[in-house]
ModelCIF file with pLDDT and N, C-alpha, C, O atoms, coordinates in Angstrom:
data_MODEL
#
_entry.id   MODEL 
#
_entity.id                         1 
_entity.type                       polymer 
_entity.pdbx_number_of_molecules   1 
#
_entity_poly.entity_id                      1 
_entity_poly.type                           'polypeptide(L)' 
_entity_poly.nstd_linkage                   no 
_entity_poly.nstd_monomer                   no 
_entity_poly.pdbx_seq_one_letter_code       ARGKFTPTDKFLTQDSRLPESILVQTVTGDYVDEHNELVDPA 
_entity_poly.pdbx_seq_one_letter_code_can   ARGKFTPTDKFLTQDSRLPESILVQTVTGDYVDEHNELVDPA 
_entity_poly.pdbx_strand_id                 A 
#
loop_
_entity_poly_seq.entity_id 
_entity_poly_seq.num 
_entity_poly_seq.mon_id 
_entity_poly_seq.hetero 
1 1  ALA n 
1 2  ARG n 
1 3  GLY n 
1 4  LYS n 
1 5  PHE n 
1 6  THR n 
1 7  PRO n 
1 8  THR n 
1 9  ASP n 
1 10 LYS n 
1 11 PHE n 
1 12 LEU n 
1 13 THR n 
1 14 GLN n 
1 15 ASP n 
1 16 SER n 
1 17 ARG n 
1 18 LEU n 
1 19 PRO n 
1 20 GLU n 
1 21 SER n 
1 22 ILE n 
1 23 LEU n 
1 24 VAL n 
1 25 GLN n 
1 26 THR n 
1 27 VAL n 
1 28 THR n 
1 29 GLY n 
1 30 ASP n 
1 31 TYR n 
1 32 VAL n 
1 33 ASP n 
1 34 GLU n 
1 35 HIS n 
1 36 ASN n 
1 37 GLU n 
1 38 LEU n 
1 39 VAL n 
1 40 ASP n 
1 41 PRO n 
1 42 ALA n 
#
_struct_asym.id          A 
_struct_asym.entity_id   1 
#
loop_
_ma_qa_metric.id 
_ma_qa_metric.mode 
_ma_qa_metric.name 
_ma_qa_metric.software_group_id 
_ma_qa_metric.type 
1 global pLDDT . pLDDT 
2 local  pLDDT . pLDDT 
#
_ma_qa_metric_global.metric_id      1 
_ma_qa_metric_global.metric_value   93.29 
_ma_qa_metric_global.model_id       1 
_ma_qa_metric_global.ordinal_id     1 
#
loop_
_ma_qa_metric_local.label_asym_id 
_ma_qa_metric_local.label_comp_id 
_ma_qa_metric_local.label_seq_id 
_ma_qa_metric_local.metric_id 
_ma_qa_metric_local.metric_value 
_ma_qa_metric_local.model_id 
_ma_qa_metric_local.ordinal_id 
A ALA 1  2 96.00 1 1  
A ARG 2  2 96.00 1 2  
A GLY 3  2 96.00 1 3  
A LYS 4  2 96.00 1 4  
A PHE 5  2 96.00 1 5  
A THR 6  2 96.00 1 6  
A PRO 7  2 97.00 1 7  
A THR 8  2 97.00 1 8  
A ASP 9  2 96.00 1 9  
A LYS 10 2 96.00 1 10 
A PHE 11 2 96.00 1 11 
A LEU 12 2 95.00 1 12 
A THR 13 2 94.00 1 13 
A GLN 14 2 93.00 1 14 
A ASP 15 2 92.00 1 15 
A SER 16 2 93.00 1 16 
A ARG 17 2 95.00 1 17 
A LEU 18 2 95.00 1 18 
A PRO 19 2 95.00 1 19 
A GLU 20 2 94.00 1 20 
A SER 21 2 94.00 1 21 
A ILE 22 2 93.00 1 22 
A LEU 23 2 94.00 1 23 
A VAL 24 2 94.00 1 24 
A GLN 25 2 94.00 1 25 
A THR 26 2 94.00 1 26 
A VAL 27 2 94.00 1 27 
A THR 28 2 91.00 1 28 
A GLY 29 2 90.00 1 29 
A ASP 30 2 91.00 1 30 
A TYR 31 2 91.00 1 31 
A VAL 32 2 90.00 1 32 
A ASP 33 2 89.00 1 33 
A GLU 34 2 92.00 1 34 
A HIS 35 2 90.00 1 35 
A ASN 36 2 90.00 1 36 
A GLU 37 2 91.00 1 37 
A LEU 38 2 92.00 1 38 
A VAL 39 2 92.00 1 39 
A ASP 40 2 90.00 1 40 
A PRO 41 2 89.00 1 41 
A ALA 42 2 89.00 1 42 
#
loop_
_atom_site.group_PDB 
_atom_site.id 
_atom_site.type_symbol 
_atom_site.label_atom_id 
_atom_site.label_alt_id 
_atom_site.label_comp_id 
_atom_site.label_asym_id 
_atom_site.label_entity_id 
_atom_site.label_seq_id 
_atom_site.pdbx_PDB_ins_code 
_atom_site.Cartn_x 
_atom_site.Cartn_y 
_atom_site.Cartn_z 
_atom_site.occupancy 
_atom_site.B_iso_or_equiv 
_atom_site.pdbx_formal_charge 
_atom_site.auth_seq_id 
_atom_site.auth_comp_id 
_atom_site.auth_asym_id 
_atom_site.auth_atom_id 
_atom_site.pdbx_PDB_model_num 
ATOM 1   N N  . ALA A 1 1  ? 1.843   -4.258  -10.796 1.00 96.00 ? 1  ALA A N  1 
ATOM 2   C CA . ALA A 1 1  ? 2.073   -4.996  -9.574  1.00 96.00 ? 1  ALA A CA 1 
ATOM 3   C C  . ALA A 1 1  ? 2.632   -4.030  -8.594  1.00 96.00 ? 1  ALA A C  1 
ATOM 4   O O  . ALA A 1 1  ? 3.577   -3.313  -8.922  1.00 96.00 ? 1  ALA A O  1 
ATOM 5   N N  . ARG A 1 2  ? 2.084   -3.969  -7.368  1.00 96.00 ? 2  ARG A N  1 
ATOM 6   C CA . ARG A 1 2  ? 2.727   -3.491  -6.098  1.00 96.00 ? 2  ARG A CA 1 
ATOM 7   C C  . ARG A 1 2  ? 2.578   -4.672  -5.170  1.00 96.00 ? 2  ARG A C  1 
ATOM 8   O O  . ARG A 1 2  ? 1.885   -5.674  -5.346  1.00 96.00 ? 2  ARG A O  1 
ATOM 9   N N  . GLY A 1 3  ? 3.445   -4.337  -4.034  1.00 96.00 ? 3  GLY A N  1 
ATOM 10  C CA . GLY A 1 3  ? 3.325   -5.491  -2.968  1.00 96.00 ? 3  GLY A CA 1 
ATOM 11  C C  . GLY A 1 3  ? 4.613   -5.696  -2.368  1.00 96.00 ? 3  GLY A C  1 
ATOM 12  O O  . GLY A 1 3  ? 5.407   -4.763  -2.244  1.00 96.00 ? 3  GLY A O  1 
ATOM 13  N N  . LYS A 1 4  ? 4.905   -7.045  -1.929  1.00 96.00 ? 4  LYS A N  1 
ATOM 14  C CA . LYS A 1 4  ? 6.167   -7.062  -1.156  1.00 96.00 ? 4  LYS A CA 1 
ATOM 15  C C  . LYS A 1 4  ? 6.486   -8.675  -1.331  1.00 96.00 ? 4  LYS A C  1 
ATOM 16  O O  . LYS A 1 4  ? 5.692   -9.524  -1.738  1.00 96.00 ? 4  LYS A O  1 
ATOM 17  N N  . PHE A 1 5  ? 7.762   -8.861  -0.945  1.00 96.00 ? 5  PHE A N  1 
ATOM 18  C CA . PHE A 1 5  ? 8.427   -10.374 -1.086  1.00 96.00 ? 5  PHE A CA 1 
ATOM 19  C C  . PHE A 1 5  ? 8.284   -10.818 0.399   1.00 96.00 ? 5  PHE A C  1 
ATOM 20  O O  . PHE A 1 5  ? 8.576   -10.051 1.318   1.00 96.00 ? 5  PHE A O  1 
ATOM 21  N N  . THR A 1 6  ? 7.862   -11.980 0.587   1.00 96.00 ? 6  THR A N  1 
ATOM 22  C CA . THR A 1 6  ? 7.597   -12.335 1.926   1.00 96.00 ? 6  THR A CA 1 
ATOM 23  C C  . THR A 1 6  ? 8.190   -13.929 2.049   1.00 96.00 ? 6  THR A C  1 
ATOM 24  O O  . THR A 1 6  ? 7.807   -14.716 1.185   1.00 96.00 ? 6  THR A O  1 
ATOM 25  N N  . PRO A 1 7  ? 9.061   -14.388 3.042   1.00 97.00 ? 7  PRO A N  1 
ATOM 26  C CA . PRO A 1 7  ? 9.351   -15.738 3.079   1.00 97.00 ? 7  PRO A CA 1 
ATOM 27  C C  . PRO A 1 7  ? 8.273   -16.565 3.437   1.00 97.00 ? 7  PRO A C  1 
ATOM 28  O O  . PRO A 1 7  ? 7.424   -16.177 4.240   1.00 97.00 ? 7  PRO A O  1 
ATOM 29  N N  . THR A 1 8  ? 8.234   -17.706 2.895   1.00 97.00 ? 8  THR A N  1 
ATOM 30  C CA . THR A 1 8  ? 7.092   -18.793 3.049   1.00 97.00 ? 8  THR A CA 1 
ATOM 31  C C  . THR A 1 8  ? 6.553   -18.691 4.394   1.00 97.00 ? 8  THR A C  1 
ATOM 32  O O  . THR A 1 8  ? 5.396   -18.339 4.622   1.00 97.00 ? 8  THR A O  1 
ATOM 33  N N  . ASP A 1 9  ? 7.407   -19.005 5.283   1.00 96.00 ? 9  ASP A N  1 
ATOM 34  C CA . ASP A 1 9  ? 7.018   -19.373 6.617   1.00 96.00 ? 9  ASP A CA 1 
ATOM 35  C C  . ASP A 1 9  ? 6.399   -18.073 7.272   1.00 96.00 ? 9  ASP A C  1 
ATOM 36  O O  . ASP A 1 9  ? 5.451   -18.226 8.042   1.00 96.00 ? 9  ASP A O  1 
ATOM 37  N N  . LYS A 1 10 ? 6.876   -16.808 7.013   1.00 96.00 ? 10 LYS A N  1 
ATOM 38  C CA . LYS A 1 10 ? 6.199   -15.644 7.368   1.00 96.00 ? 10 LYS A CA 1 
ATOM 39  C C  . LYS A 1 10 ? 4.851   -15.426 6.703   1.00 96.00 ? 10 LYS A C  1 
ATOM 40  O O  . LYS A 1 10 ? 3.913   -14.919 7.317   1.00 96.00 ? 10 LYS A O  1 
ATOM 41  N N  . PHE A 1 11 ? 4.771   -15.815 5.448   1.00 96.00 ? 11 PHE A N  1 
ATOM 42  C CA . PHE A 1 11 ? 3.578   -15.598 4.697   1.00 96.00 ? 11 PHE A CA 1 
ATOM 43  C C  . PHE A 1 11 ? 2.446   -16.554 5.514   1.00 96.00 ? 11 PHE A C  1 
ATOM 44  O O  . PHE A 1 11 ? 1.310   -16.114 5.692   1.00 96.00 ? 11 PHE A O  1 
ATOM 45  N N  . LEU A 1 12 ? 2.777   -17.687 5.921   1.00 95.00 ? 12 LEU A N  1 
ATOM 46  C CA . LEU A 1 12 ? 1.735   -18.528 6.286   1.00 95.00 ? 12 LEU A CA 1 
ATOM 47  C C  . LEU A 1 12 ? 1.562   -18.305 7.810   1.00 95.00 ? 12 LEU A C  1 
ATOM 48  O O  . LEU A 1 12 ? 0.725   -18.991 8.397   1.00 95.00 ? 12 LEU A O  1 
ATOM 49  N N  . THR A 1 13 ? 2.249   -17.449 8.445   1.00 94.00 ? 13 THR A N  1 
ATOM 50  C CA . THR A 1 13 ? 1.980   -17.294 9.860   1.00 94.00 ? 13 THR A CA 1 
ATOM 51  C C  . THR A 1 13 ? 1.659   -15.858 10.161  1.00 94.00 ? 13 THR A C  1 
ATOM 52  O O  . THR A 1 13 ? 1.289   -15.559 11.296  1.00 94.00 ? 13 THR A O  1 
ATOM 53  N N  . GLN A 1 14 ? 1.757   -15.085 9.362   1.00 93.00 ? 14 GLN A N  1 
ATOM 54  C CA . GLN A 1 14 ? 1.615   -13.538 9.705   1.00 93.00 ? 14 GLN A CA 1 
ATOM 55  C C  . GLN A 1 14 ? 0.541   -12.949 8.742   1.00 93.00 ? 14 GLN A C  1 
ATOM 56  O O  . GLN A 1 14 ? 0.512   -13.411 7.602   1.00 93.00 ? 14 GLN A O  1 
ATOM 57  N N  . ASP A 1 15 ? -0.374  -11.942 9.100   1.00 92.00 ? 15 ASP A N  1 
ATOM 58  C CA . ASP A 1 15 ? -1.032  -11.278 8.114   1.00 92.00 ? 15 ASP A CA 1 
ATOM 59  C C  . ASP A 1 15 ? -0.352  -10.476 7.247   1.00 92.00 ? 15 ASP A C  1 
ATOM 60  O O  . ASP A 1 15 ? 0.652   -9.887  7.647   1.00 92.00 ? 15 ASP A O  1 
ATOM 61  N N  . SER A 1 16 ? -0.808  -10.334 5.909   1.00 93.00 ? 16 SER A N  1 
ATOM 62  C CA . SER A 1 16 ? -0.236  -9.480  4.954   1.00 93.00 ? 16 SER A CA 1 
ATOM 63  C C  . SER A 1 16 ? -0.887  -8.081  4.921   1.00 93.00 ? 16 SER A C  1 
ATOM 64  O O  . SER A 1 16 ? -2.112  -7.966  4.934   1.00 93.00 ? 16 SER A O  1 
ATOM 65  N N  . ARG A 1 17 ? -0.083  -7.056  4.879   1.00 95.00 ? 17 ARG A N  1 
ATOM 66  C CA . ARG A 1 17 ? -0.741  -5.580  4.913   1.00 95.00 ? 17 ARG A CA 1 
ATOM 67  C C  . ARG A 1 17 ? 0.045   -4.767  4.097   1.00 95.00 ? 17 ARG A C  1 
ATOM 68  O O  . ARG A 1 17 ? 1.233   -5.032  3.916   1.00 95.00 ? 17 ARG A O  1 
ATOM 69  N N  . LEU A 1 18 ? -0.517  -3.773  3.571   1.00 95.00 ? 18 LEU A N  1 
ATOM 70  C CA . LEU A 1 18 ? 0.279   -2.633  2.656   1.00 95.00 ? 18 LEU A CA 1 
ATOM 71  C C  . LEU A 1 18 ? -0.420  -1.537  3.052   1.00 95.00 ? 18 LEU A C  1 
ATOM 72  O O  . LEU A 1 18 ? -1.566  -1.658  3.483   1.00 95.00 ? 18 LEU A O  1 
ATOM 73  N N  . PRO A 1 19 ? 0.236   -0.256  2.943   1.00 95.00 ? 19 PRO A N  1 
ATOM 74  C CA . PRO A 1 19 ? -0.456  0.967   3.197   1.00 95.00 ? 19 PRO A CA 1 
ATOM 75  C C  . PRO A 1 19 ? -1.319  1.302   2.055   1.00 95.00 ? 19 PRO A C  1 
ATOM 76  O O  . PRO A 1 19 ? -0.968  1.169   0.883   1.00 95.00 ? 19 PRO A O  1 
ATOM 77  N N  . GLU A 1 20 ? -2.553  1.778   2.476   1.00 94.00 ? 20 GLU A N  1 
ATOM 78  C CA . GLU A 1 20 ? -3.787  1.860   1.461   1.00 94.00 ? 20 GLU A CA 1 
ATOM 79  C C  . GLU A 1 20 ? -3.267  2.972   0.594   1.00 94.00 ? 20 GLU A C  1 
ATOM 80  O O  . GLU A 1 20 ? -3.692  2.957   -0.561  1.00 94.00 ? 20 GLU A O  1 
ATOM 81  N N  . SER A 1 21 ? -2.386  3.986   0.935   1.00 94.00 ? 21 SER A N  1 
ATOM 82  C CA . SER A 1 21 ? -2.035  4.917   0.095   1.00 94.00 ? 21 SER A CA 1 
ATOM 83  C C  . SER A 1 21 ? -1.472  4.536   -1.434  1.00 94.00 ? 21 SER A C  1 
ATOM 84  O O  . SER A 1 21 ? -1.517  5.293   -2.404  1.00 94.00 ? 21 SER A O  1 
ATOM 85  N N  . ILE A 1 22 ? -0.985  3.313   -1.414  1.00 93.00 ? 22 ILE A N  1 
ATOM 86  C CA . ILE A 1 22 ? -0.538  2.876   -2.690  1.00 93.00 ? 22 ILE A CA 1 
ATOM 87  C C  . ILE A 1 22 ? -1.643  2.835   -3.926  1.00 93.00 ? 22 ILE A C  1 
ATOM 88  O O  . ILE A 1 22 ? -1.354  2.840   -5.122  1.00 93.00 ? 22 ILE A O  1 
ATOM 89  N N  . LEU A 1 23 ? -2.834  2.797   -3.419  1.00 94.00 ? 23 LEU A N  1 
ATOM 90  C CA . LEU A 1 23 ? -4.091  2.909   -4.229  1.00 94.00 ? 23 LEU A CA 1 
ATOM 91  C C  . LEU A 1 23 ? -4.283  4.252   -4.866  1.00 94.00 ? 23 LEU A C  1 
ATOM 92  O O  . LEU A 1 23 ? -4.986  4.347   -5.871  1.00 94.00 ? 23 LEU A O  1 
ATOM 93  N N  . VAL A 1 24 ? -3.707  5.274   -4.346  1.00 94.00 ? 24 VAL A N  1 
ATOM 94  C CA . VAL A 1 24 ? -4.011  6.614   -4.912  1.00 94.00 ? 24 VAL A CA 1 
ATOM 95  C C  . VAL A 1 24 ? -2.712  7.169   -5.362  1.00 94.00 ? 24 VAL A C  1 
ATOM 96  O O  . VAL A 1 24 ? -2.519  8.379   -5.247  1.00 94.00 ? 24 VAL A O  1 
ATOM 97  N N  . GLN A 1 25 ? -1.723  6.324   -5.907  1.00 94.00 ? 25 GLN A N  1 
ATOM 98  C CA . GLN A 1 25 ? -0.555  6.922   -6.563  1.00 94.00 ? 25 GLN A CA 1 
ATOM 99  C C  . GLN A 1 25 ? -0.773  6.986   -8.113  1.00 94.00 ? 25 GLN A C  1 
ATOM 100 O O  . GLN A 1 25 ? -1.402  6.165   -8.781  1.00 94.00 ? 25 GLN A O  1 
ATOM 101 N N  . THR A 1 26 ? -0.132  8.126   -8.563  1.00 94.00 ? 26 THR A N  1 
ATOM 102 C CA . THR A 1 26 ? -0.265  8.378   -10.093 1.00 94.00 ? 26 THR A CA 1 
ATOM 103 C C  . THR A 1 26 ? 0.827   7.475   -10.690 1.00 94.00 ? 26 THR A C  1 
ATOM 104 O O  . THR A 1 26 ? 1.662   6.864   -10.023 1.00 94.00 ? 26 THR A O  1 
ATOM 105 N N  . VAL A 1 27 ? 0.704   7.467   -12.211 1.00 94.00 ? 27 VAL A N  1 
ATOM 106 C CA . VAL A 1 27 ? 1.621   6.499   -12.968 1.00 94.00 ? 27 VAL A CA 1 
ATOM 107 C C  . VAL A 1 27 ? 3.110   7.000   -12.622 1.00 94.00 ? 27 VAL A C  1 
ATOM 108 O O  . VAL A 1 27 ? 4.023   6.200   -12.826 1.00 94.00 ? 27 VAL A O  1 
ATOM 109 N N  . THR A 1 28 ? 3.377   8.118   -12.173 1.00 91.00 ? 28 THR A N  1 
ATOM 110 C CA . THR A 1 28 ? 4.766   8.599   -11.949 1.00 91.00 ? 28 THR A CA 1 
ATOM 111 C C  . THR A 1 28 ? 5.036   8.448   -10.455 1.00 91.00 ? 28 THR A C  1 
ATOM 112 O O  . THR A 1 28 ? 6.125   8.858   -10.053 1.00 91.00 ? 28 THR A O  1 
ATOM 113 N N  . GLY A 1 29 ? 4.283   7.975   -9.684  1.00 90.00 ? 29 GLY A N  1 
ATOM 114 C CA . GLY A 1 29 ? 4.529   7.581   -8.237  1.00 90.00 ? 29 GLY A CA 1 
ATOM 115 C C  . GLY A 1 29 ? 3.951   8.796   -7.136  1.00 90.00 ? 29 GLY A C  1 
ATOM 116 O O  . GLY A 1 29 ? 4.037   8.704   -5.911  1.00 90.00 ? 29 GLY A O  1 
ATOM 117 N N  . ASP A 1 30 ? 3.439   9.768   -7.773  1.00 91.00 ? 30 ASP A N  1 
ATOM 118 C CA . ASP A 1 30 ? 3.275   10.782  -6.896  1.00 91.00 ? 30 ASP A CA 1 
ATOM 119 C C  . ASP A 1 30 ? 1.828   10.618  -6.271  1.00 91.00 ? 30 ASP A C  1 
ATOM 120 O O  . ASP A 1 30 ? 1.015   9.816   -6.730  1.00 91.00 ? 30 ASP A O  1 
ATOM 121 N N  . TYR A 1 31 ? 1.586   11.390  -5.254  1.00 91.00 ? 31 TYR A N  1 
ATOM 122 C CA . TYR A 1 31 ? 0.256   11.364  -4.629  1.00 91.00 ? 31 TYR A CA 1 
ATOM 123 C C  . TYR A 1 31 ? -0.494  12.527  -4.839  1.00 91.00 ? 31 TYR A C  1 
ATOM 124 O O  . TYR A 1 31 ? 0.058   13.618  -4.983  1.00 91.00 ? 31 TYR A O  1 
ATOM 125 N N  . VAL A 1 32 ? -1.770  12.375  -4.870  1.00 90.00 ? 32 VAL A N  1 
ATOM 126 C CA . VAL A 1 32 ? -2.745  13.527  -5.385  1.00 90.00 ? 32 VAL A CA 1 
ATOM 127 C C  . VAL A 1 32 ? -2.998  14.388  -4.132  1.00 90.00 ? 32 VAL A C  1 
ATOM 128 O O  . VAL A 1 32 ? -2.880  13.949  -2.988  1.00 90.00 ? 32 VAL A O  1 
ATOM 129 N N  . ASP A 1 33 ? -3.361  15.671  -4.446  1.00 89.00 ? 33 ASP A N  1 
ATOM 130 C CA . ASP A 1 33 ? -3.816  16.731  -3.445  1.00 89.00 ? 33 ASP A CA 1 
ATOM 131 C C  . ASP A 1 33 ? -4.876  16.191  -2.565  1.00 89.00 ? 33 ASP A C  1 
ATOM 132 O O  . ASP A 1 33 ? -4.963  16.487  -1.373  1.00 89.00 ? 33 ASP A O  1 
ATOM 133 N N  . GLU A 1 34 ? -5.666  15.402  -3.176  1.00 92.00 ? 34 GLU A N  1 
ATOM 134 C CA . GLU A 1 34 ? -6.926  15.009  -2.469  1.00 92.00 ? 34 GLU A CA 1 
ATOM 135 C C  . GLU A 1 34 ? -6.580  13.615  -1.629  1.00 92.00 ? 34 GLU A C  1 
ATOM 136 O O  . GLU A 1 34 ? -7.494  12.842  -1.340  1.00 92.00 ? 34 GLU A O  1 
ATOM 137 N N  . HIS A 1 35 ? -5.209  13.344  -1.258  1.00 90.00 ? 35 HIS A N  1 
ATOM 138 C CA . HIS A 1 35 ? -4.958  12.167  -0.746  1.00 90.00 ? 35 HIS A CA 1 
ATOM 139 C C  . HIS A 1 35 ? -5.648  11.854  0.579   1.00 90.00 ? 35 HIS A C  1 
ATOM 140 O O  . HIS A 1 35 ? -6.235  10.781  0.716   1.00 90.00 ? 35 HIS A O  1 
ATOM 141 N N  . ASN A 1 36 ? -5.596  12.748  1.548   1.00 90.00 ? 36 ASN A N  1 
ATOM 142 C CA . ASN A 1 36 ? -6.244  12.706  2.593   1.00 90.00 ? 36 ASN A CA 1 
ATOM 143 C C  . ASN A 1 36 ? -7.763  12.683  2.846   1.00 90.00 ? 36 ASN A C  1 
ATOM 144 O O  . ASN A 1 36 ? -8.270  12.398  3.931   1.00 90.00 ? 36 ASN A O  1 
ATOM 145 N N  . GLU A 1 37 ? -8.510  13.050  1.600   1.00 91.00 ? 37 GLU A N  1 
ATOM 146 C CA . GLU A 1 37 ? -9.915  12.812  1.527   1.00 91.00 ? 37 GLU A CA 1 
ATOM 147 C C  . GLU A 1 37 ? -10.279 11.518  1.037   1.00 91.00 ? 37 GLU A C  1 
ATOM 148 O O  . GLU A 1 37 ? -11.430 11.091  1.130   1.00 91.00 ? 37 GLU A O  1 
ATOM 149 N N  . LEU A 1 38 ? -9.231  10.810  0.461   1.00 92.00 ? 38 LEU A N  1 
ATOM 150 C CA . LEU A 1 38 ? -9.599  9.436   -0.340  1.00 92.00 ? 38 LEU A CA 1 
ATOM 151 C C  . LEU A 1 38 ? -9.127  8.354   0.783   1.00 92.00 ? 38 LEU A C  1 
ATOM 152 O O  . LEU A 1 38 ? -9.898  7.424   1.019   1.00 92.00 ? 38 LEU A O  1 
ATOM 153 N N  . VAL A 1 39 ? -7.994  8.430   1.427   1.00 92.00 ? 39 VAL A N  1 
ATOM 154 C CA . VAL A 1 39 ? -7.580  7.477   2.368   1.00 92.00 ? 39 VAL A CA 1 
ATOM 155 C C  . VAL A 1 39 ? -7.306  7.960   3.689   1.00 92.00 ? 39 VAL A C  1 
ATOM 156 O O  . VAL A 1 39 ? -7.334  9.182   3.829   1.00 92.00 ? 39 VAL A O  1 
ATOM 157 N N  . ASP A 1 40 ? -7.056  7.273   4.650   1.00 90.00 ? 40 ASP A N  1 
ATOM 158 C CA . ASP A 1 40 ? -6.869  7.817   5.990   1.00 90.00 ? 40 ASP A CA 1 
ATOM 159 C C  . ASP A 1 40 ? -5.490  8.614   6.096   1.00 90.00 ? 40 ASP A C  1 
ATOM 160 O O  . ASP A 1 40 ? -4.395  8.141   5.793   1.00 90.00 ? 40 ASP A O  1 
ATOM 161 N N  . PRO A 1 41 ? -5.722  9.888   6.573   1.00 89.00 ? 41 PRO A N  1 
ATOM 162 C CA . PRO A 1 41 ? -4.476  10.712  6.758   1.00 89.00 ? 41 PRO A CA 1 
ATOM 163 C C  . PRO A 1 41 ? -3.371  10.303  7.442   1.00 89.00 ? 41 PRO A C  1 
ATOM 164 O O  . PRO A 1 41 ? -2.271  10.845  7.333   1.00 89.00 ? 41 PRO A O  1 
ATOM 165 N N  . ALA A 1 42 ? -3.678  9.123   8.328   1.00 89.00 ? 42 ALA A N  1 
ATOM 166 C CA . ALA A 1 42 ? -2.738  8.567   9.222   1.00 89.00 ? 42 ALA A CA 1 
ATOM 167 C C  . ALA A 1 42 ? -1.882  7.606   8.430   1.00 89.00 ? 42 ALA A C  1 
ATOM 168 O O  . ALA A 1 42 ? -0.976  6.984   8.985   1.00 89.00 ? 42 ALA A O  1 
#
């Protein structure tokens, strides 16, 4: 599980977002060399 804790009032009134880079982390938390080819370099 990755994500964030959000107060209920904020959850109901704001969009939830996370960096897409969390999808290309290894089991040790590192990023692969191909990171910028897989997700937005920004």
